[in-house]
C-alpha atoms as a PDB file:
ATOM      1  CA  MET A   1     128.564 108.297  71.239  1.00  0.00           C
ATOM      2  CA  ARG A   2     129.171 108.684  67.553  1.00  0.00           C
ATOM      3  CA  LYS A   3     126.156 108.858  65.225  1.00  0.00           C
ATOM      4  CA  GLU A   4     127.083 105.706  63.329  1.00  0.00           C
ATOM      5  CA  TYR A   5     127.032 103.671  66.597  1.00  0.00           C
ATOM      6  CA  TRP A   6     123.510 104.954  67.392  1.00  0.00           C
ATOM      7  CA  ALA A   7     122.309 103.944  63.893  1.00  0.00           C
ATOM      8  CA  VAL A   8     123.743 100.446  64.221  1.00  0.00           C
ATOM      9  CA  GLY A   9     122.166 100.046  67.678  1.00  0.00           C
ATOM     10  CA  LEU A  10     118.691 101.118  66.516  1.00  0.00           C
ATOM     11  CA  ALA A  11     118.825  98.809  63.486  1.00  0.00           C
ATOM     12  CA  ALA A  12     119.710  95.860  65.729  1.00  0.00           C
ATOM     13  CA  LEU A  13     116.836  96.680  68.073  1.00  0.00           C
ATOM     14  CA  ALA A  14     114.376  96.839  65.142  1.00  0.00           C
ATOM     15  CA  LEU A  15     115.513  93.428  63.880  1.00  0.00           C
ATOM     16  CA  LEU A  16     115.058  91.981  67.350  1.00  0.00           C
ATOM     17  CA  ILE A  17     111.477  93.321  67.608  1.00  0.00           C
ATOM     18  CA  LEU A  18     110.601  91.938  64.169  1.00  0.00           C
ATOM     19  CA  ALA A  19     112.051  88.567  65.053  1.00  0.00           C
ATOM     20  CA  VAL A  20     110.058  88.322  68.299  1.00  0.00           C
ATOM     21  CA  GLY A  21     106.874  89.480  66.559  1.00  0.00           C
ATOM     22  CA  TRP A  22     107.352  86.939  63.798  1.00  0.00           C
ATOM     23  CA  GLU A  23     107.687  84.113  66.312  1.00  0.00           C
ATOM     24  CA  ARG A  24     104.435  85.088  68.029  1.00  0.00           C
ATOM     25  CA  ASP A  25     102.339  85.298  64.814  1.00  0.00           C
ATOM     26  CA  GLU A  26      99.495  82.807  64.536  1.00  0.00           C
ATOM     27  CA  PRO A  27      99.803  80.097  61.881  1.00  0.00           C
ATOM     28  CA  ALA A  28      98.688  81.246  58.452  1.00  0.00           C
ATOM     29  CA  THR A  29      95.167  80.246  57.369  1.00  0.00           C
ATOM     30  CA  ARG A  30      94.646  79.150  53.802  1.00  0.00           C
ATOM     31  CA  VAL A  31      91.741  80.925  52.057  1.00  0.00           C
ATOM     32  CA  ASP A  32      90.083  79.202  49.111  1.00  0.00           C
ATOM     33  CA  LEU A  33      88.798  82.096  46.997  1.00  0.00           C
ATOM     34  CA  SER A  34      86.972  79.700  44.653  1.00  0.00           C
ATOM     35  CA  ARG A  35      84.385  78.999  47.355  1.00  0.00           C
ATOM     36  CA  ARG A  36      82.591  82.344  47.791  1.00  0.00           C
ATOM     37  CA  VAL A  37      79.125  83.236  49.020  1.00  0.00           C
ATOM     38  CA  ASP A  38      77.564  86.459  47.796  1.00  0.00           C
ATOM     39  CA  ILE A  39      76.069  88.498  50.650  1.00  0.00           C
ATOM     40  CA  THR A  40      73.076  90.628  49.754  1.00  0.00           C
ATOM     41  CA  LEU A  41      72.073  93.500  52.033  1.00  0.00           C
ATOM     42  CA  LYS A  42      68.389  93.401  52.912  1.00  0.00           C
ATOM     43  CA  THR A  43      66.526  96.524  51.848  1.00  0.00           C
ATOM     44  CA  GLN A  44      63.009  97.584  52.730  1.00  0.00           C
ATOM     45  CA  ALA A  45      60.458  97.142  49.981  1.00  0.00           C
ATOM     46  CA  GLU A  46      59.292 100.365  48.411  1.00  0.00           C
ATOM     47  CA  ALA A  47      56.177 101.639  50.111  1.00  0.00           C
ATOM     48  CA  ILE A  48      54.284 104.834  50.748  1.00  0.00           C
ATOM     49  CA  THR A  49      55.387 106.017  54.179  1.00  0.00           C
ATOM     50  CA  TYR A  50      52.704 107.171  56.608  1.00  0.00           C
ATOM     51  CA  ALA A  51      53.410 108.895  59.911  1.00  0.00           C
ATOM     52  CA  TYR A  52      51.317 110.095  62.826  1.00  0.00           C
ATOM     53  CA  LEU A  53      52.868 113.044  64.680  1.00  0.00           C
ATOM     54  CA  PRO A  54      54.062 111.478  67.959  1.00  0.00           C
ATOM     55  CA  GLN A  55      51.653 113.112  70.382  1.00  0.00           C
ATOM     56  CA  TYR A  56      51.080 109.744  72.045  1.00  0.00           C
ATOM     57  CA  SER A  57      53.312 106.691  72.522  1.00  0.00           C
ATOM     58  CA  HIS A  58      54.357 104.752  69.419  1.00  0.00           C
ATOM     59  CA  SER A  59      52.245 101.770  70.488  1.00  0.00           C
ATOM     60  CA  ILE A  60      49.126 103.955  70.708  1.00  0.00           C
ATOM     61  CA  SER A  61      49.944 105.582  67.361  1.00  0.00           C
ATOM     62  CA  PHE A  62      50.357 102.144  65.774  1.00  0.00           C
ATOM     63  CA  GLU A  63      47.150 100.702  67.186  1.00  0.00           C
ATOM     64  CA  ARG A  64      45.077 103.760  66.362  1.00  0.00           C
ATOM     65  CA  HIS A  65      46.146 103.826  62.716  1.00  0.00           C
ATOM     66  CA  ARG A  66      46.906 100.179  61.958  1.00  0.00           C
ATOM     67  CA  ARG A  67      43.482  99.420  60.504  1.00  0.00           C
ATOM     68  CA  LEU A  68      43.395 102.645  58.531  1.00  0.00           C
ATOM     69  CA  VAL A  69      46.805 101.960  56.961  1.00  0.00           C
ATOM     70  CA  GLU A  70      45.798  98.374  56.128  1.00  0.00           C
ATOM     71  CA  TYR A  71      42.606  99.725  54.535  1.00  0.00           C
ATOM     72  CA  LEU A  72      44.535 102.244  52.414  1.00  0.00           C
ATOM     73  CA  SER A  73      46.927  99.543  51.248  1.00  0.00           C
ATOM     74  CA  ARG A  74      44.126  97.189  50.284  1.00  0.00           C
ATOM     75  CA  VAL A  75      41.800  99.723  48.642  1.00  0.00           C
ATOM     76  CA  THR A  76      44.409 101.720  46.739  1.00  0.00           C
ATOM     77  CA  GLY A  77      46.602  98.746  45.831  1.00  0.00           C
ATOM     78  CA  TYR A  78      49.678 100.681  47.023  1.00  0.00           C
ATOM     79  CA  PRO A  79      51.911  99.257  49.755  1.00  0.00           C
ATOM     80  CA  PHE A  80      51.968 101.445  52.871  1.00  0.00           C
ATOM     81  CA  ARG A  81      54.366 101.453  55.813  1.00  0.00           C
ATOM     82  CA  GLN A  82      53.903 103.279  59.104  1.00  0.00           C
ATOM     83  CA  VAL A  83      57.014 105.105  60.322  1.00  0.00           C
ATOM     84  CA  PHE A  84      57.456 106.501  63.828  1.00  0.00           C
ATOM     85  CA  PRO A  85      59.433 109.699  64.405  1.00  0.00           C
ATOM     86  CA  ASP A  86      60.340 110.205  68.057  1.00  0.00           C
ATOM     87  CA  THR A  87      59.767 113.951  68.186  1.00  0.00           C
ATOM     88  CA  PHE A  88      57.783 116.667  66.457  1.00  0.00           C
ATOM     89  CA  ASP A  89      60.979 118.168  65.011  1.00  0.00           C
ATOM     90  CA  GLU A  90      62.076 114.785  63.663  1.00  0.00           C
ATOM     91  CA  HIS A  91      58.668 114.381  62.026  1.00  0.00           C
ATOM     92  CA  VAL A  92      59.061 117.738  60.259  1.00  0.00           C
ATOM     93  CA  LYS A  93      62.608 116.966  59.122  1.00  0.00           C
ATOM     94  CA  MET A  94      61.583 113.553  57.765  1.00  0.00           C
ATOM     95  CA  VAL A  95      58.845 115.190  55.676  1.00  0.00           C
ATOM     96  CA  GLU A  96      61.339 117.780  54.442  1.00  0.00           C
ATOM     97  CA  ARG A  97      63.766 114.988  53.452  1.00  0.00           C
ATOM     98  CA  GLY A  98      61.019 113.060  51.649  1.00  0.00           C
ATOM     99  CA  GLU A  99      61.079 110.201  54.177  1.00  0.00           C
ATOM    100  CA  ILE A 100      57.401 110.673  55.074  1.00  0.00           C
ATOM    101  CA  ASP A 101      54.976 110.744  52.145  1.00  0.00           C
ATOM    102  CA  ILE A 102      51.682 111.102  54.009  1.00  0.00           C
ATOM    103  CA  SER A 103      51.740 113.046  57.251  1.00  0.00           C
ATOM    104  CA  PHE A 104      48.995 113.176  59.868  1.00  0.00           C
ATOM    105  CA  SER A 105      49.769 116.164  62.051  1.00  0.00           C
ATOM    106  CA  ASN A 106      48.368 118.884  64.182  1.00  0.00           C
ATOM    107  CA  PRO A 107      47.632 122.191  62.394  1.00  0.00           C
ATOM    108  CA  PHE A 108      50.553 124.064  63.972  1.00  0.00           C
ATOM    109  CA  ILE A 109      53.049 121.521  62.666  1.00  0.00           C
ATOM    110  CA  TYR A 110      51.190 121.501  59.352  1.00  0.00           C
ATOM    111  CA  ILE A 111      51.960 125.164  58.650  1.00  0.00           C
ATOM    112  CA  ARG A 112      55.665 124.285  59.100  1.00  0.00           C
ATOM    113  CA  LEU A 113      55.278 121.380  56.675  1.00  0.00           C
ATOM    114  CA  ALA A 114      53.481 123.671  54.219  1.00  0.00           C
ATOM    115  CA  ARG A 115      56.493 125.994  54.206  1.00  0.00           C
ATOM    116  CA  ALA A 116      58.479 122.954  53.026  1.00  0.00           C
ATOM    117  CA  GLY A 117      56.026 122.329  50.197  1.00  0.00           C
ATOM    118  CA  ALA A 118      53.562 119.888  51.815  1.00  0.00           C
ATOM    119  CA  ARG A 119      49.892 120.421  51.040  1.00  0.00           C
ATOM    120  CA  ALA A 120      46.741 119.599  53.016  1.00  0.00           C
ATOM    121  CA  PHE A 121      44.215 117.315  51.329  1.00  0.00           C
ATOM    122  CA  ALA A 122      42.003 115.990  54.150  1.00  0.00           C
ATOM    123  CA  ARG A 123      41.215 116.705  57.788  1.00  0.00           C
ATOM    124  CA  ILE A 124      39.416 114.800  60.479  1.00  0.00           C
ATOM    125  CA  VAL A 125      36.186 115.254  62.368  1.00  0.00           C
ATOM    126  CA  GLU A 126      37.075 114.879  66.040  1.00  0.00           C
ATOM    127  CA  GLU A 127      35.359 112.452  68.408  1.00  0.00           C
ATOM    128  CA  SER A 128      33.409 115.465  69.645  1.00  0.00           C
ATOM    129  CA  GLY A 129      31.751 115.516  66.223  1.00  0.00           C
ATOM    130  CA  ARG A 130      33.438 118.819  65.343  1.00  0.00           C
ATOM    131  CA  PRO A 131      36.219 119.420  62.789  1.00  0.00           C
ATOM    132  CA  ASP A 132      38.181 121.465  65.331  1.00  0.00           C
ATOM    133  CA  PHE A 133      39.733 121.072  68.768  1.00  0.00           C
ATOM    134  CA  HIS A 134      41.095 123.102  71.665  1.00  0.00           C
ATOM    135  CA  SER A 135      43.500 123.159  74.590  1.00  0.00           C
ATOM    136  CA  GLN A 136      42.689 122.432  78.217  1.00  0.00           C
ATOM    137  CA  ILE A 137      44.660 123.965  81.093  1.00  0.00           C
ATOM    138  CA  ILE A 138      44.558 121.593  84.051  1.00  0.00           C
ATOM    139  CA  CYS A 139      45.617 121.524  87.687  1.00  0.00           C
ATOM    140  CA  ARG A 140      45.049 119.293  90.703  1.00  0.00           C
ATOM    141  CA  LYS A 141      41.619 119.815  92.170  1.00  0.00           C
ATOM    142  CA  ASP A 142      43.107 120.014  95.681  1.00  0.00           C
ATOM    143  CA  ASN A 143      45.631 122.731  94.735  1.00  0.00           C
ATOM    144  CA  ARG A 144      44.208 125.600  96.790  1.00  0.00           C
ATOM    145  CA  ALA A 145      46.737 128.076  95.392  1.00  0.00           C
ATOM    146  CA  ILE A 146      45.088 127.952  91.965  1.00  0.00           C
ATOM    147  CA  ARG A 147      41.490 129.111  91.731  1.00  0.00           C
ATOM    148  CA  SER A 148      41.589 131.262  88.613  1.00  0.00           C
ATOM    149  CA  LEU A 149      43.734 131.889  85.560  1.00  0.00           C
ATOM    150  CA  GLU A 150      45.429 134.800  87.353  1.00  0.00           C
ATOM    151  CA  ASP A 151      46.633 132.351  89.991  1.00  0.00           C
ATOM    152  CA  CYS A 152      48.832 130.691  87.336  1.00  0.00           C
ATOM    153  CA  ARG A 153      51.325 133.561  87.609  1.00  0.00           C
ATOM    154  CA  GLY A 154      54.504 132.371  89.303  1.00  0.00           C
ATOM    155  CA  LYS A 155      53.535 128.707  88.918  1.00  0.00           C
ATOM    156  CA  ARG A 156      55.284 125.821  87.171  1.00  0.00           C
ATOM    157  CA  TRP A 157      53.682 124.876  83.837  1.00  0.00           C
ATOM    158  CA  ILE A 158      54.312 121.632  81.988  1.00  0.00           C
ATOM    159  CA  ALA A 159      53.251 121.474  78.352  1.00  0.00           C
ATOM    160  CA  VAL A 160      53.463 118.775  75.694  1.00  0.00           C
ATOM    161  CA  ASP A 161      55.969 120.146  73.208  1.00  0.00           C
ATOM    162  CA  PRO A 162      56.819 123.596  71.805  1.00  0.00           C
ATOM    163  CA  GLY A 163      55.190 122.418  68.545  1.00  0.00           C
ATOM    164  CA  SER A 164      52.103 120.925  70.141  1.00  0.00           C
ATOM    165  CA  ALA A 165      48.953 122.802  69.071  1.00  0.00           C
ATOM    166  CA  GLY A 166      46.478 121.694  71.744  1.00  0.00           C
ATOM    167  CA  GLY A 167      49.228 120.794  74.198  1.00  0.00           C
ATOM    168  CA  PHE A 168      50.988 124.174  74.216  1.00  0.00           C
ATOM    169  CA  VAL A 169      50.402 126.740  71.457  1.00  0.00           C
ATOM    170  CA  PHE A 170      46.638 127.209  71.936  1.00  0.00           C
ATOM    171  CA  ALA A 171      47.130 127.445  75.708  1.00  0.00           C
ATOM    172  CA  LEU A 172      49.975 129.943  75.330  1.00  0.00           C
ATOM    173  CA  ASP A 173      47.829 132.105  73.073  1.00  0.00           C
ATOM    174  CA  TYR A 174      45.041 131.894  75.662  1.00  0.00           C
ATOM    175  CA  PHE A 175      47.359 133.061  78.462  1.00  0.00           C
ATOM    176  CA  LEU A 176      48.715 135.896  76.285  1.00  0.00           C
ATOM    177  CA  SER A 177      45.203 137.057  75.427  1.00  0.00           C
ATOM    178  CA  HIS A 178      44.543 137.333  79.178  1.00  0.00           C
ATOM    179  CA  GLY A 179      47.685 139.390  79.813  1.00  0.00           C
ATOM    180  CA  ILE A 180      49.840 136.564  81.185  1.00  0.00           C
ATOM    181  CA  GLN A 181      53.273 136.420  79.532  1.00  0.00           C
ATOM    182  CA  ARG A 182      55.782 133.556  79.355  1.00  0.00           C
ATOM    183  CA  GLU A 183      58.018 135.273  81.916  1.00  0.00           C
ATOM    184  CA  ASP A 184      55.147 135.374  84.405  1.00  0.00           C
ATOM    185  CA  PHE A 185      55.561 131.646  85.025  1.00  0.00           C
ATOM    186  CA  ALA A 186      58.159 130.267  87.412  1.00  0.00           C
ATOM    187  CA  GLU A 187      58.937 127.626  84.783  1.00  0.00           C
ATOM    188  CA  ILE A 188      57.632 126.335  81.466  1.00  0.00           C
ATOM    189  CA  ALA A 189      58.740 122.736  80.937  1.00  0.00           C
ATOM    190  CA  PHE A 190      57.957 120.225  78.214  1.00  0.00           C
ATOM    191  CA  ALA A 191      57.220 116.523  78.567  1.00  0.00           C
ATOM    192  CA  PRO A 192      60.491 114.574  78.299  1.00  0.00           C
ATOM    193  CA  GLY A 193      61.394 111.661  76.042  1.00  0.00           C
ATOM    194  CA  PRO A 194      59.872 110.349  72.823  1.00  0.00           C
ATOM    195  CA  GLY A 195      56.127 109.867  72.396  1.00  0.00           C
ATOM    196  CA  GLY A 196      53.474 109.705  75.063  1.00  0.00           C
ATOM    197  CA  LYS A 197      53.830 113.389  75.806  1.00  0.00           C
ATOM    198  CA  GLN A 198      50.155 114.181  76.338  1.00  0.00           C
ATOM    199  CA  GLU A 199      49.886 111.403  78.909  1.00  0.00           C
ATOM    200  CA  LYS A 200      53.089 112.555  80.640  1.00  0.00           C
ATOM    201  CA  VAL A 201      51.671 116.041  81.170  1.00  0.00           C
ATOM    202  CA  VAL A 202      48.589 114.700  82.947  1.00  0.00           C
ATOM    203  CA  LEU A 203      50.686 112.311  85.040  1.00  0.00           C
ATOM    204  CA  ALA A 204      53.109 115.103  86.020  1.00  0.00           C
ATOM    205  CA  VAL A 205      50.266 117.332  87.242  1.00  0.00           C
ATOM    206  CA  TYR A 206      48.566 114.425  88.970  1.00  0.00           C
ATOM    207  CA  ALA A 207      51.832 113.576  90.773  1.00  0.00           C
ATOM    208  CA  GLY A 208      52.236 117.208  91.864  1.00  0.00           C
ATOM    209  CA  LYS A 209      55.513 117.737  89.985  1.00  0.00           C
ATOM    210  CA  TYR A 210      54.009 120.776  88.228  1.00  0.00           C
ATOM    211  CA  ASP A 211      51.246 123.167  89.234  1.00  0.00           C
ATOM    212  CA  ILE A 212      49.457 123.347  85.889  1.00  0.00           C
ATOM    213  CA  GLY A 213      49.551 121.478  82.591  1.00  0.00           C
ATOM    214  CA  SER A 214      48.166 121.950  79.089  1.00  0.00           C
ATOM    215  CA  VAL A 215      46.809 119.162  76.908  1.00  0.00           C
ATOM    216  CA  ARG A 216      44.496 118.879  73.954  1.00  0.00           C
ATOM    217  CA  ASN A 217      40.861 118.026  74.668  1.00  0.00           C
ATOM    218  CA  GLY A 218      40.286 114.275  74.717  1.00  0.00           C
ATOM    219  CA  THR A 219      43.541 113.478  76.509  1.00  0.00           C
ATOM    220  CA  LEU A 220      41.993 113.108  79.965  1.00  0.00           C
ATOM    221  CA  GLU A 221      39.724 110.350  78.700  1.00  0.00           C
ATOM    222  CA  LEU A 222      42.794 108.553  77.353  1.00  0.00           C
ATOM    223  CA  VAL A 223      44.472 108.365  80.786  1.00  0.00           C
ATOM    224  CA  LYS A 224      41.429 107.507  82.867  1.00  0.00           C
ATOM    225  CA  ASP A 225      42.885 104.074  83.586  1.00  0.00           C
ATOM    226  CA  LYS A 226      46.137 105.605  84.883  1.00  0.00           C
ATOM    227  CA  VAL A 227      44.950 108.458  87.079  1.00  0.00           C
ATOM    228  CA  ASP A 228      41.937 109.324  89.171  1.00  0.00           C
ATOM    229  CA  LEU A 229      40.323 111.974  86.997  1.00  0.00           C
ATOM    230  CA  ASP A 230      38.354 113.212  89.996  1.00  0.00           C
ATOM    231  CA  ALA A 231      41.667 114.617  91.226  1.00  0.00           C
ATOM    232  CA  ILE A 232      42.104 116.771  88.102  1.00  0.00           C
ATOM    233  CA  ARG A 233      40.358 120.074  87.419  1.00  0.00           C
ATOM    234  CA  VAL A 234      40.055 121.777  84.036  1.00  0.00           C
ATOM    235  CA  LEU A 235      40.913 125.367  84.874  1.00  0.00           C
ATOM    236  CA  ALA A 236      40.312 126.871  81.418  1.00  0.00           C
ATOM    237  CA  GLU A 237      39.856 126.004  77.764  1.00  0.00           C
ATOM    238  CA  SER A 238      41.187 127.847  74.723  1.00  0.00           C
ATOM    239  CA  ARG A 239      39.154 128.712  71.639  1.00  0.00           C
ATOM    240  CA  SER A 240      38.919 126.006  68.982  1.00  0.00           C
ATOM    241  CA  TYR A 241      40.981 125.741  65.803  1.00  0.00           C
ATOM    242  CA  PRO A 242      40.835 123.532  62.670  1.00  0.00           C
ATOM    243  CA  GLY A 243      41.602 119.936  63.473  1.00  0.00           C
ATOM    244  CA  TRP A 244      44.344 117.480  62.600  1.00  0.00           C
ATOM    245  CA  VAL A 245      45.224 117.344  58.959  1.00  0.00           C
ATOM    246  CA  TYR A 246      46.500 114.968  56.317  1.00  0.00           C
ATOM    247  CA  SER A 247      49.144 116.404  54.014  1.00  0.00           C
ATOM    248  CA  ALA A 248      51.355 115.029  51.273  1.00  0.00           C
ATOM    249  CA  ARG A 249      55.019 115.950  51.006  1.00  0.00           C
ATOM    250  CA  ARG A 250      56.336 118.120  48.206  1.00  0.00           C
ATOM    251  CA  GLY A 251      56.792 116.130  45.007  1.00  0.00           C
ATOM    252  CA  PHE A 252      54.461 113.284  45.940  1.00  0.00           C
ATOM    253  CA  ASP A 253      52.820 111.723  42.871  1.00  0.00           C
ATOM    254  CA  PRO A 254      49.519 113.655  42.253  1.00  0.00           C
ATOM    255  CA  ALA A 255      47.869 110.606  40.664  1.00  0.00           C
ATOM    256  CA  ARG A 256      48.581 108.476  43.725  1.00  0.00           C
ATOM    257  CA  LEU A 257      47.460 111.289  46.017  1.00  0.00           C
ATOM    258  CA  LYS A 258      44.111 111.481  44.200  1.00  0.00           C
ATOM    259  CA  VAL A 259      43.523 107.753  44.759  1.00  0.00           C
ATOM    260  CA  ILE A 260      44.517 108.001  48.439  1.00  0.00           C
ATOM    261  CA  THR A 261      42.308 111.060  49.003  1.00  0.00           C
ATOM    262  CA  GLU A 262      39.296 109.324  47.494  1.00  0.00           C
ATOM    263  CA  ALA A 263      39.893 106.262  49.683  1.00  0.00           C
ATOM    264  CA  LEU A 264      40.154 108.361  52.852  1.00  0.00           C
ATOM    265  CA  LEU A 265      37.047 110.420  52.083  1.00  0.00           C
ATOM    266  CA  ARG A 266      35.117 107.229  51.331  1.00  0.00           C
ATOM    267  CA  LEU A 267      35.403 106.388  55.029  1.00  0.00           C
ATOM    268  CA  ASP A 268      33.139 109.356  55.744  1.00  0.00           C
ATOM    269  CA  GLN A 269      30.306 107.621  53.922  1.00  0.00           C
ATOM    270  CA  GLY A 270      29.885 105.141  56.751  1.00  0.00           C
ATOM    271  CA  GLY A 271      29.495 101.360  56.755  1.00  0.00           C
ATOM    272  CA  GLU A 272      30.614  98.741  59.249  1.00  0.00           C
ATOM    273  CA  GLU A 273      34.244  98.661  58.152  1.00  0.00           C
ATOM    274  CA  ALA A 274      34.517 102.456  58.079  1.00  0.00           C
ATOM    275  CA  GLU A 275      33.045 102.719  61.554  1.00  0.00           C
ATOM    276  CA  GLN A 276      35.578 100.217  62.924  1.00  0.00           C
ATOM    277  CA  ILE A 277      38.506 102.003  61.281  1.00  0.00           C
ATOM    278  CA  LEU A 278      37.400 105.441  62.452  1.00  0.00           C
ATOM    279  CA  ALA A 279      36.654 104.211  65.966  1.00  0.00           C
ATOM    280  CA  ALA A 280      40.144 102.710  66.261  1.00  0.00           C
ATOM    281  CA  ALA A 281      41.686 105.959  65.047  1.00  0.00           C
ATOM    282  CA  HIS A 282      39.453 108.006  67.370  1.00  0.00           C
ATOM    283  CA  PHE A 283      37.948 109.972  64.470  1.00  0.00           C
ATOM    284  CA  LYS A 284      34.313 110.638  63.697  1.00  0.00           C
ATOM    285  CA  GLY A 285      34.986 111.236  60.033  1.00  0.00           C
ATOM    286  CA  ILE A 286      37.370 112.518  57.362  1.00  0.00           C
ATOM    287  CA  ILE A 287      36.506 115.541  55.220  1.00  0.00           C
ATOM    288  CA  PRO A 288      38.304 117.440  52.438  1.00  0.00           C
ATOM    289  CA  ALA A 289      40.827 120.114  53.385  1.00  0.00           C
ATOM    290  CA  MET A 290      42.858 122.782  51.681  1.00  0.00           C
ATOM    291  CA  ASP A 291      45.793 124.895  52.706  1.00  0.00           C
ATOM    292  CA  ALA A 292      43.671 128.033  53.295  1.00  0.00           C
ATOM    293  CA  ASP A 293      41.771 126.209  56.071  1.00  0.00           C
ATOM    294  CA  TYR A 294      44.817 126.817  58.251  1.00  0.00           C
ATOM    295  CA  ASP A 295      45.177 130.567  57.845  1.00  0.00           C
ATOM    296  CA  SER A 296      43.785 131.036  61.372  1.00  0.00           C
ATOM    297  CA  ILE A 297      46.724 128.959  62.646  1.00  0.00           C
ATOM    298  CA  ARG A 298      49.126 131.200  60.728  1.00  0.00           C
ATOM    299  CA  SER A 299      47.546 134.255  62.413  1.00  0.00           C
ATOM    300  CA  LEU A 300      47.972 132.570  65.794  1.00  0.00           C
ATOM    301  CA  ALA A 301      51.618 131.793  65.026  1.00  0.00           C
ATOM    302  CA  ASN A 302      52.225 135.435  64.108  1.00  0.00           C
ATOM    303  CA  ARG A 303      50.590 136.618  67.344  1.00  0.00           C
ATOM    304  CA  ILE A 304      52.683 134.486  69.657  1.00  0.00           C
ATOM    305  CA  SER A 305      55.898 135.213  67.739  1.00  0.00           C
ATOM    306  CA  GLN A 306      55.424 138.932  68.404  1.00  0.00           C
ATOM    307  CA  GLU A 307      55.105 138.500  72.159  1.00  0.00           C
END
């Protein structure tokens, strides 16, 4: 067929399609542009953001620190807002991006935050009455294959998170100091999902999914309503290290930080309100801190990185 016939045929087909489409169009709707409503996007009010490293579930983190955050807001006159990262890594990245002003973290995560410019200004006294804490390595009491630390070779180990101080790093350092390397385990797994990781480790060992687990001291008491603690045995405990720490992100207003620090340290002076706030947060007190307090954690980090 000649080219001109093809062109005429295609043009006719296009007109037919347009005609059909036109017939099927919905009736036009008249828009009165004089009657407009301005839509304003809701934005969160400016507030100092406060975050608890997600070692436990978000609900536990909220309840433990709710009174303390309300106290800080009232006493300092600054609005505060709790934020809830899902993971340790997300917590670190949010501090690096300036999305978390005041961070409450374990010391191992703190040295990562310090590399991003955060600085320690206060640390807690644990419920034990000491300003430090340690790791516990646990197993089922009826697991006859595990009687000593040596028996952990070839076993499945569940830990809290690669960045968890009491839930992994202290325990790993303890194993290494006793000549047991990472490759000596059949598996090293970490608690899945966001939050609640300490509890998940205990539950996984209790259920027999893993042979051993590592948690920070104090965790077993937290899960006493979920598991029969008589079925759990503490196989070993690591040495103790400086406790959880408050730090402010790089660039945070020094004048505001001074007011917040004074308010936090005032809780250590006692009184009915202070006792209620500290009890809810599971602290015994809050004391001053400085970056050099965590040099022992930096030495630990260097040791395990060389293994």
